[in-house]
Amino acid sequence: MRKNTESTRTALKNPWKGLGLTMPSRDKVLKNTTTVIVAMAGMGTFVALADAMTTWLVSLL
């Protein structure tokens, strides 16, 4: 019974641990966020370039 109370207290203090997850460290989150932002910017640039190329090709026809 005591162990159960202990784990409940831990779960209340750290809900992530209660779910069997470890809260990702702050720098890891920042790194992942940066990666996502950079990837999105890269995709945006690629789409813009593809769009410009398409427009240019259409204008040649």
C-alpha atoms as a PDB file:
ATOM      1  CA  MET A   1       0.000   0.000   0.000  1.00  0.00           C
ATOM      2  CA  ARG A   2       2.805   2.353   0.940  1.00  0.00           C
ATOM      3  CA  LYS A   3       4.522   1.840  -2.431  1.00  0.00           C
ATOM      4  CA  ASN A   4       1.291   2.751  -4.213  1.00  0.00           C
ATOM      5  CA  THR A   5       1.022   6.038  -2.287  1.00  0.00           C
ATOM      6  CA  GLU A   6       4.657   6.754  -3.133  1.00  0.00           C
ATOM      7  CA  SER A   7       4.116   6.279  -6.876  1.00  0.00           C
ATOM      8  CA  THR A   8       0.955   8.407  -6.759  1.00  0.00           C
ATOM      9  CA  ARG A   9       2.935  11.190  -5.129  1.00  0.00           C
ATOM     10  CA  THR A  10       5.610  10.879  -7.819  1.00  0.00           C
ATOM     11  CA  ALA A  11       2.961  10.912 -10.538  1.00  0.00           C
ATOM     12  CA  LEU A  12       1.473  14.101  -9.115  1.00  0.00           C
ATOM     13  CA  LYS A  13       4.894  15.716  -8.881  1.00  0.00           C
ATOM     14  CA  ASN A  14       6.032  14.547 -12.305  1.00  0.00           C
ATOM     15  CA  PRO A  15       3.112  13.487 -14.536  1.00  0.00           C
ATOM     16  CA  TRP A  16       5.489  12.385 -17.302  1.00  0.00           C
ATOM     17  CA  LYS A  17       7.089   9.796 -15.041  1.00  0.00           C
ATOM     18  CA  GLY A  18       3.642   8.587 -14.032  1.00  0.00           C
ATOM     19  CA  LEU A  19       2.958   7.833 -17.690  1.00  0.00           C
ATOM     20  CA  GLY A  20       6.235   5.968 -17.967  1.00  0.00           C
ATOM     21  CA  LEU A  21       7.814   8.794 -19.915  1.00  0.00           C
ATOM     22  CA  THR A  22      10.815  10.848 -19.008  1.00  0.00           C
ATOM     23  CA  MET A  23      10.444  14.554 -19.548  1.00  0.00           C
ATOM     24  CA  PRO A  24      12.783  15.404 -22.431  1.00  0.00           C
ATOM     25  CA  SER A  25      15.617  17.683 -21.394  1.00  0.00           C
ATOM     26  CA  ARG A  26      15.318  21.349 -22.278  1.00  0.00           C
ATOM     27  CA  ASP A  27      18.308  21.515 -24.622  1.00  0.00           C
ATOM     28  CA  LYS A  28      17.058  18.428 -26.458  1.00  0.00           C
ATOM     29  CA  VAL A  29      13.671  20.085 -26.983  1.00  0.00           C
ATOM     30  CA  LEU A  30      15.354  23.285 -28.200  1.00  0.00           C
ATOM     31  CA  LYS A  31      17.557  21.293 -30.583  1.00  0.00           C
ATOM     32  CA  ASN A  32      14.564  19.405 -31.985  1.00  0.00           C
ATOM     33  CA  THR A  33      12.559  22.624 -32.346  1.00  0.00           C
ATOM     34  CA  THR A  34      15.466  24.270 -34.175  1.00  0.00           C
ATOM     35  CA  THR A  35      15.770  21.256 -36.485  1.00  0.00           C
ATOM     36  CA  VAL A  36      12.058  21.407 -37.289  1.00  0.00           C
ATOM     37  CA  ILE A  37      12.193  25.166 -37.953  1.00  0.00           C
ATOM     38  CA  VAL A  38      15.245  24.795 -40.207  1.00  0.00           C
ATOM     39  CA  ALA A  39      13.618  21.900 -42.065  1.00  0.00           C
ATOM     40  CA  MET A  40      10.443  23.924 -42.584  1.00  0.00           C
ATOM     41  CA  ALA A  41      12.442  26.918 -43.821  1.00  0.00           C
ATOM     42  CA  GLY A  42      14.329  24.622 -46.192  1.00  0.00           C
ATOM     43  CA  MET A  43      11.079  23.179 -47.501  1.00  0.00           C
ATOM     44  CA  GLY A  44       9.678  26.686 -47.928  1.00  0.00           C
ATOM     45  CA  THR A  45      12.714  27.716 -49.949  1.00  0.00           C
ATOM     46  CA  PHE A  46      12.465  24.568 -52.060  1.00  0.00           C
ATOM     47  CA  VAL A  47       8.768  25.155 -52.737  1.00  0.00           C
ATOM     48  CA  ALA A  48       9.435  28.805 -53.642  1.00  0.00           C
ATOM     49  CA  LEU A  49      12.195  27.749 -56.055  1.00  0.00           C
ATOM     50  CA  ALA A  50      10.016  25.061 -57.618  1.00  0.00           C
ATOM     51  CA  ASP A  51       7.214  27.599 -57.983  1.00  0.00           C
ATOM     52  CA  ALA A  52       9.554  30.113 -59.645  1.00  0.00           C
ATOM     53  CA  MET A  53      10.890  27.432 -62.005  1.00  0.00           C
ATOM     54  CA  THR A  54       7.371  26.359 -62.947  1.00  0.00           C
ATOM     55  CA  THR A  55       6.371  29.963 -63.630  1.00  0.00           C
ATOM     56  CA  TRP A  56       9.517  30.464 -65.732  1.00  0.00           C
ATOM     57  CA  LEU A  57       8.918  27.261 -67.727  1.00  0.00           C
ATOM     58  CA  VAL A  58       5.289  28.200 -68.352  1.00  0.00           C
ATOM     59  CA  SER A  59       6.361  31.656 -69.558  1.00  0.00           C
ATOM     60  CA  LEU A  60       8.684  30.010 -72.112  1.00  0.00           C
ATOM     61  CA  LEU A  61       5.840  28.074 -73.711  1.00  0.00           C
END
